Protein backbone atom coordinates (compact mmCIF):
# COMPACT_ATOMS: atom_id res chain seq x y z
CA MET A 1 16.62 -25.07 -22.39
CA SER A 2 13.82 -23.15 -24.29
CA THR A 3 15.14 -24.27 -27.78
CA LEU A 4 15.22 -27.81 -26.34
CA PHE A 5 11.63 -27.81 -25.04
CA LYS A 6 10.39 -26.47 -28.14
CA SER A 7 11.85 -29.06 -30.32
CA ILE A 8 10.28 -31.70 -28.00
CA LEU A 9 6.98 -29.96 -27.88
CA ASN A 10 7.05 -29.67 -31.72
CA SER A 11 7.85 -33.37 -32.07
CA ARG A 12 5.37 -35.72 -33.57
CA SER A 13 5.83 -38.23 -30.66
CA PRO A 14 2.86 -37.89 -28.16
CA ARG A 15 5.10 -39.48 -25.51
CA ALA A 16 7.91 -36.97 -25.97
CA ARG A 17 5.28 -34.30 -25.89
CA ARG A 18 3.76 -35.53 -22.60
CA VAL A 19 7.23 -35.80 -21.01
CA ALA A 20 8.04 -32.15 -22.04
CA SER A 21 4.56 -30.88 -20.97
CA ALA A 22 4.99 -32.49 -17.55
CA ALA A 23 8.49 -31.09 -17.27
CA VAL A 24 7.19 -27.56 -17.98
CA ALA A 25 4.27 -27.82 -15.63
CA GLY A 26 6.78 -29.03 -12.88
CA MET A 27 9.12 -25.94 -13.60
CA ILE A 28 6.16 -23.57 -13.55
CA GLY A 29 5.00 -25.12 -10.12
CA TRP A 30 8.57 -24.56 -8.91
CA ALA A 31 8.75 -20.97 -10.13
CA MET A 32 5.34 -20.02 -8.63
CA GLY A 33 5.95 -21.91 -5.19
CA HIS A 34 9.43 -20.07 -5.06
CA SER A 35 7.91 -16.76 -6.01
CA ALA A 36 5.26 -17.23 -3.12
CA ALA A 37 7.84 -18.20 -0.69
CA VAL A 38 9.76 -14.95 -1.07
CA ARG A 39 6.72 -12.55 -1.03
CA ALA A 40 7.37 -11.67 2.44
CA VAL A 41 10.99 -11.69 4.08
CA ILE A 42 11.11 -11.39 7.77
CA LEU A 43 14.00 -8.87 8.59
CA ALA A 44 13.63 -8.61 12.27
CA SER A 45 11.25 -10.33 14.88
CA ASP A 46 10.44 -10.85 18.33
CA ASN A 47 7.69 -12.06 20.63
CA ALA A 48 7.01 -12.56 24.33
CA ALA A 49 7.60 -16.39 24.15
CA ASN A 50 11.40 -15.82 23.37
CA PRO A 51 13.91 -17.29 25.94
CA ALA A 52 14.86 -13.65 26.72
CA TYR A 53 11.48 -13.27 28.66
CA SER A 54 11.55 -16.76 30.37
CA GLY A 55 9.92 -16.89 33.75
CA GLY A 56 7.55 -13.96 33.10
CA THR A 57 10.35 -11.52 33.10
CA TRP A 58 10.32 -8.59 30.77
CA SER A 59 13.02 -6.08 31.97
CA GLY A 60 14.76 -2.97 30.77
CA THR A 61 17.59 -5.08 29.75
CA SER A 62 15.75 -7.84 27.76
CA ASN A 63 16.61 -8.15 24.30
CA GLY A 64 14.76 -10.98 22.53
CA GLY A 65 14.47 -11.89 18.89
CA THR A 66 16.66 -10.47 16.19
CA GLY A 67 16.95 -6.91 14.51
CA PHE A 68 16.17 -4.89 17.41
CA SER A 69 18.07 -3.23 20.26
CA GLN A 70 17.38 -4.23 23.97
CA TRP A 71 14.31 -2.90 25.81
CA PHE A 72 14.29 0.31 27.83
CA GLN A 73 11.67 0.72 30.29
CA GLY A 74 10.38 3.81 32.47
CA PRO A 75 9.48 6.06 34.13
CA THR A 76 12.91 6.62 35.63
CA GLY A 77 14.77 9.36 37.12
CA SER A 78 14.90 11.70 40.05
CA GLY A 79 11.63 12.69 41.60
CA VAL A 80 9.66 9.65 40.33
CA ASN A 81 7.66 7.91 43.17
CA GLN A 82 6.07 5.11 41.05
CA ALA A 83 7.70 1.92 41.99
CA ALA A 84 4.43 0.35 43.32
CA THR A 85 2.16 1.55 40.58
CA TRP A 86 3.60 -0.16 37.42
CA ALA A 87 5.13 -3.45 36.46
CA PHE A 88 6.38 -5.18 33.27
CA THR A 89 5.79 -8.98 32.94
CA THR A 90 4.96 -11.55 30.35
CA GLN A 91 1.42 -13.15 30.80
CA THR A 92 -1.67 -13.97 28.84
CA ALA A 93 -3.80 -11.47 27.01
CA SER A 94 -6.43 -13.96 26.19
CA THR A 95 -8.50 -13.34 29.48
CA VAL A 96 -8.49 -9.62 29.76
CA PHE A 97 -12.21 -9.50 30.60
CA GLY A 98 -12.12 -12.64 32.72
CA THR A 99 -13.47 -14.93 29.67
CA TYR A 100 -10.81 -16.75 27.32
CA VAL A 101 -10.97 -15.59 23.86
CA THR A 102 -9.41 -17.00 20.64
CA PRO A 103 -7.81 -15.89 18.53
CA ASN A 104 -5.69 -13.79 20.73
CA ILE A 105 -2.27 -11.95 20.26
CA ASP A 106 -0.31 -14.53 22.66
CA THR A 107 2.70 -16.67 21.39
CA SER A 108 2.63 -19.99 23.30
CA GLY A 109 0.33 -18.36 25.81
CA VAL A 110 1.99 -14.99 26.70
CA SER A 111 2.38 -11.47 25.66
CA TRP A 112 4.19 -8.41 26.91
CA SER A 113 2.12 -7.06 29.70
CA MET A 114 2.33 -3.46 31.11
CA GLY A 115 0.51 -2.76 34.21
CA ALA A 116 -0.39 0.47 35.62
CA TYR A 117 -1.95 0.52 39.19
CA SER A 118 -3.84 2.92 41.21
CA GLY A 119 -2.59 6.18 39.56
CA THR A 120 -3.77 9.52 40.37
CA SER A 121 -3.57 12.99 38.85
CA SER A 122 -0.86 14.04 41.00
CA ASP A 123 1.10 10.53 40.82
CA PRO A 124 0.28 9.07 37.60
CA ALA A 125 0.91 5.37 36.72
CA ALA A 126 2.50 5.87 33.17
CA PRO A 127 4.93 3.17 32.19
CA TYR A 128 6.47 2.83 28.85
CA ALA A 129 8.82 0.50 27.04
CA TYR A 130 10.83 1.42 23.85
CA ARG A 131 13.36 -0.21 21.69
CA GLY A 132 15.22 0.63 18.48
CA LEU A 133 15.38 -0.98 15.02
CA ASN A 134 18.91 -2.13 14.29
CA THR A 135 18.39 -0.95 10.70
CA PRO A 136 15.93 1.88 9.94
CA LEU A 137 12.73 1.09 8.20
CA GLN A 138 13.40 1.25 4.39
CA VAL A 139 10.92 2.20 1.66
CA GLY A 140 8.57 -0.93 1.01
CA GLN A 141 9.12 -2.39 4.53
CA THR A 142 6.63 -2.91 7.09
CA LEU A 143 6.80 -2.66 10.76
CA GLN A 144 3.94 -4.77 12.42
CA LEU A 145 2.85 -5.22 15.99
CA SER A 146 -0.15 -6.74 17.95
CA MET A 147 -1.82 -5.19 21.10
CA ALA A 148 -4.83 -5.69 23.15
CA THR A 149 -6.19 -3.50 25.82
CA GLY A 150 -7.92 -4.44 29.20
CA TYR A 151 -10.23 -2.27 31.38
CA MET A 152 -9.07 1.30 31.26
CA SER A 153 -9.88 4.34 33.39
CA ASN A 154 -11.12 7.74 32.17
CA PRO A 155 -8.83 9.54 31.85
CA GLY A 156 -6.42 6.98 30.63
CA GLN A 157 -4.67 5.85 27.37
CA GLU A 158 -3.03 2.69 26.02
CA GLY A 159 -1.12 2.39 22.73
CA PHE A 160 2.16 2.92 20.81
CA GLN A 161 4.32 5.20 18.70
CA ILE A 162 6.52 4.68 15.89
CA GLN A 163 9.39 7.52 16.39
CA ASN A 164 12.40 8.96 14.82
CA PHE A 165 15.10 8.69 17.40
CA ASN A 166 17.91 11.20 17.24
CA SER A 167 21.24 9.78 19.03
CA THR A 168 22.42 13.28 19.42
CA THR A 169 19.57 14.74 21.35
CA GLY A 170 18.46 11.40 22.87
CA TYR A 171 14.99 12.14 22.21
CA GLY A 172 12.43 10.12 19.99
CA THR A 173 10.23 12.26 17.86
CA PRO A 174 6.80 10.64 17.35
CA LEU A 175 5.73 10.13 13.65
CA PHE A 176 2.64 7.90 14.13
CA GLN A 177 0.57 6.69 16.97
CA ILE A 178 -2.33 4.35 17.66
CA ALA A 179 -4.28 4.22 20.81
CA ALA A 180 -7.36 3.53 22.91
CA ALA A 181 -8.60 6.14 25.38
CA GLY A 182 -10.79 5.58 28.31
CA SER A 183 -12.92 8.49 27.36
CA GLY A 184 -13.99 6.66 23.99
CA SER A 185 -14.88 3.48 22.47
CA TYR A 186 -12.55 3.22 19.23
CA TYR A 187 -8.92 3.21 18.22
CA ALA A 188 -7.69 6.63 16.93
CA ILE A 189 -4.60 6.99 14.75
CA SER A 190 -2.40 10.18 14.93
CA TYR A 191 0.14 11.37 12.37
CA GLY A 192 1.28 14.39 10.48
CA GLY A 193 3.77 16.22 12.68
CA TYR A 194 4.12 16.57 16.41
CA THR A 195 5.44 19.82 18.05
CA SER A 196 5.05 19.30 21.79
CA PRO A 197 3.10 17.26 24.42
CA THR A 198 0.51 20.12 24.72
CA THR A 199 -0.25 20.38 20.94
CA GLY A 200 0.05 16.59 19.79
CA PHE A 201 -0.12 15.43 16.23
CA ALA A 202 -1.42 17.62 13.32
CA TYR A 203 -3.92 14.75 12.08
CA SER A 204 -6.06 12.33 14.34
CA GLN A 205 -8.95 10.24 13.16
CA LEU A 206 -11.10 7.53 14.71
CA THR A 207 -10.83 4.00 13.42
CA LYS A 208 -14.13 1.72 13.07
CA ILE A 209 -12.50 -0.81 15.53
CA ALA A 210 -13.71 -0.77 18.98
CA SER A 211 -10.99 -1.06 21.67
CA ALA A 212 -13.21 -3.10 23.94
CA HIS A 213 -11.86 -1.65 27.05
CA THR A 214 -15.48 -1.03 28.40
CA GLY A 215 -16.32 -4.55 27.89
CA VAL A 216 -17.36 -7.01 25.21
CA THR A 217 -17.41 -4.99 21.91
CA SER A 218 -17.58 -5.95 18.24
CA PRO A 219 -15.58 -6.37 16.12
CA ASN A 220 -12.86 -6.55 18.79
CA ASN A 221 -14.23 -8.74 21.77
CA GLY A 222 -10.96 -8.39 23.68
CA ASN A 223 -8.89 -10.41 21.06
CA GLY A 224 -6.86 -7.58 20.14
CA ILE A 225 -5.60 -5.99 17.06
CA THR A 226 -2.65 -6.29 14.48
CA VAL A 227 -1.28 -2.76 13.25
CA ALA A 228 1.01 -2.98 10.10
CA PHE A 229 2.79 0.24 9.23
CA THR A 230 4.29 0.37 5.62
CA LEU A 231 6.75 2.99 4.53
CA GLU A 232 5.60 3.80 0.98
CA SER A 233 7.88 6.86 0.29
CA PRO A 234 10.09 9.20 2.30
CA THR A 235 6.97 11.46 3.07
CA SER A 236 4.30 8.82 3.29
CA PHE A 237 3.04 5.63 4.78
CA ASP A 238 0.32 3.05 4.58
CA LEU A 239 -1.53 1.65 7.57
CA THR A 240 -3.66 -1.54 7.92
CA VAL A 241 -5.52 -2.11 11.54
CA THR A 242 -6.87 -5.79 11.53
CA PRO A 243 -9.03 -6.91 14.43
CA LEU A 244 -8.09 -10.66 15.42
CA ALA A 245 -11.86 -11.40 16.03
CA ASP A 246 -12.95 -10.38 12.56
CA PRO A 247 -10.14 -9.97 10.00
CA SER A 248 -12.59 -9.18 7.28
CA ALA A 249 -13.31 -5.84 9.38
CA ALA A 250 -9.51 -4.72 8.57
CA GLU A 251 -9.08 -1.13 7.71
CA THR A 252 -6.41 0.32 5.46
CA PHE A 253 -5.42 3.90 5.23
CA ASN A 254 -3.27 5.10 2.48
CA ASN A 255 -0.69 7.88 1.82
CA LEU A 256 -0.79 9.25 5.30
CA THR A 257 1.70 11.90 6.06
CA LEU A 258 5.23 11.14 7.22
CA THR A 259 6.92 14.16 8.52
CA ASP A 260 10.55 12.63 9.22
CA LEU A 261 13.18 9.99 8.68
CA PRO A 262 14.44 7.70 9.80
CA VAL A 263 11.78 5.47 11.10
CA ASN A 264 13.80 3.53 13.74
CA GLN A 265 12.04 3.38 17.24
CA LEU A 266 9.08 1.71 18.70
CA PHE A 267 7.52 3.23 22.01
CA LEU A 268 4.79 1.42 23.87
CA TYR A 269 2.88 3.09 26.71
CA ASN A 270 0.07 2.88 29.34
CA ASP A 271 -0.99 6.17 30.65
CA ASN A 272 -3.27 5.45 33.64
CA LEU A 273 -4.63 8.70 35.36
CA GLY A 274 -7.36 7.18 37.32
CA LEU A 275 -7.75 5.27 40.58
CA THR A 276 -8.22 1.60 38.80
CA SER A 277 -5.70 -0.99 37.70
CA GLN A 278 -5.01 -0.87 33.94
CA LEU A 279 -3.21 -3.40 31.81
CA ALA A 280 -2.07 -3.13 28.09
CA TYR A 281 -0.49 -6.15 26.18
CA PHE A 282 1.60 -6.14 23.04
CA ASN A 283 3.28 -9.09 21.09
CA ASN A 284 4.35 -10.32 17.63
CA LEU A 285 6.75 -7.46 16.61
CA GLU A 286 8.22 -7.95 13.02
CA VAL A 287 9.77 -6.03 10.31
CA THR A 288 9.13 -7.50 6.79
CA ALA A 289 9.82 -6.79 3.20
CA THR A 290 8.24 -7.61 -0.06
CA PRO A 291 10.91 -8.12 -2.79
CA GLU A 292 10.40 -7.42 -6.47
CA PRO A 293 9.82 -10.57 -8.62
CA THR A 294 13.04 -11.91 -9.60
CA ALA A 295 14.49 -15.21 -10.89
CA ALA A 296 11.11 -17.14 -10.07
CA ALA A 297 9.05 -14.66 -12.09
CA LEU A 298 11.78 -14.45 -14.92
CA LEU A 299 11.55 -18.14 -15.21
CA LEU A 300 7.92 -18.45 -15.02
CA SER A 301 7.06 -16.04 -18.02
CA PRO A 302 8.80 -17.85 -20.85
CA LEU A 303 7.55 -21.24 -19.46
CA LEU A 304 3.97 -19.98 -19.71
CA LEU A 305 4.52 -18.68 -23.28
CA LEU A 306 5.96 -22.00 -24.10
CA GLY A 307 3.08 -23.89 -22.75
CA LEU A 308 1.02 -22.08 -25.09
CA ILE A 309 2.91 -23.19 -28.29
CA PRO A 310 1.49 -26.83 -28.45
CA ARG A 311 -2.19 -25.40 -27.90
CA ARG A 312 -1.94 -23.01 -30.88
CA LYS A 313 -0.24 -25.48 -33.23
CA SER A 314 -2.65 -28.09 -32.17
CA ALA A 315 -5.60 -25.73 -32.84
CA ALA A 316 -4.20 -24.69 -36.34
CA ARG A 317 -3.94 -28.20 -37.43
CA ALA A 318 -7.45 -29.06 -36.17
CA GLY A 319 -8.61 -26.07 -38.28
CA GLN A 320 -6.67 -27.43 -41.27
CA PHE A 321 -8.24 -30.70 -41.05
CA ASP A 322 -11.54 -29.21 -40.61
CA ARG A 323 -11.34 -27.06 -43.75
CA ARG A 324 -10.11 -30.16 -45.71
CA SER A 325 -13.18 -32.10 -44.58
CA ILE A 326 -15.84 -29.49 -45.62
């Protein structure tokens, strides 16, 4: 193919060269378009508008989308007396403060909602939901989720963890957490090792993005955030937190410490230890991969080089003509 194009481009026929140039341009356009199309491959996805959650039902047996196991919800077990203090539904996250905001985390007008009502220190309302990845996150892949907070009591906390679930012990070890707390104004990220509920993570730091749970707060006026966790190596990950109200205010954190593999479970929670009603919203769960350049890029490179041949030869001929004219 390259030899054919070279012979045509070297032709003295302007028409043949125009035809060849158009063909080259078309193939370059196809290669660039194909390359852009494969930049992000969706490996798993789910959102609150999927049929599994129709009628506002988000239950512990729901399993919408692809690439994930079913949801599990709690608290459950003996001694739990919280049936009237928590609920799981699908509803809009666009009016968490009574005023419609756009953009928001909804899909077709709904998000997963986790309500915690009238909790006390002796009987906390602390609902949670978790589900596994059918295939653990691989190096170079990204796990992404959107969330929004409503009014929140102090003490109280809303957020999610990315975990390493061990099927033998039945326990999910927290690897990363992002949360908003009723005692503060900004989201906090935690990572770097977790030993027990009393000691928490090894490292925690505040972001510059307000959780908005105390009212209208810039740069997140109740619109919510999108969190993208990218596995960079077996011992590190990158994180991007983007407020939907102002994407230019996104924050990126690189080379954060990852303490274990596999990364294979997502855990959402709403801990309400106060006397108020508290809602947390989640949506748009995805696992994506960015593949290495392949056939499209390999095709593009020689065509770009080939496209330079007529220009170089034309310039050389022009130079020869000019020298003869002097």
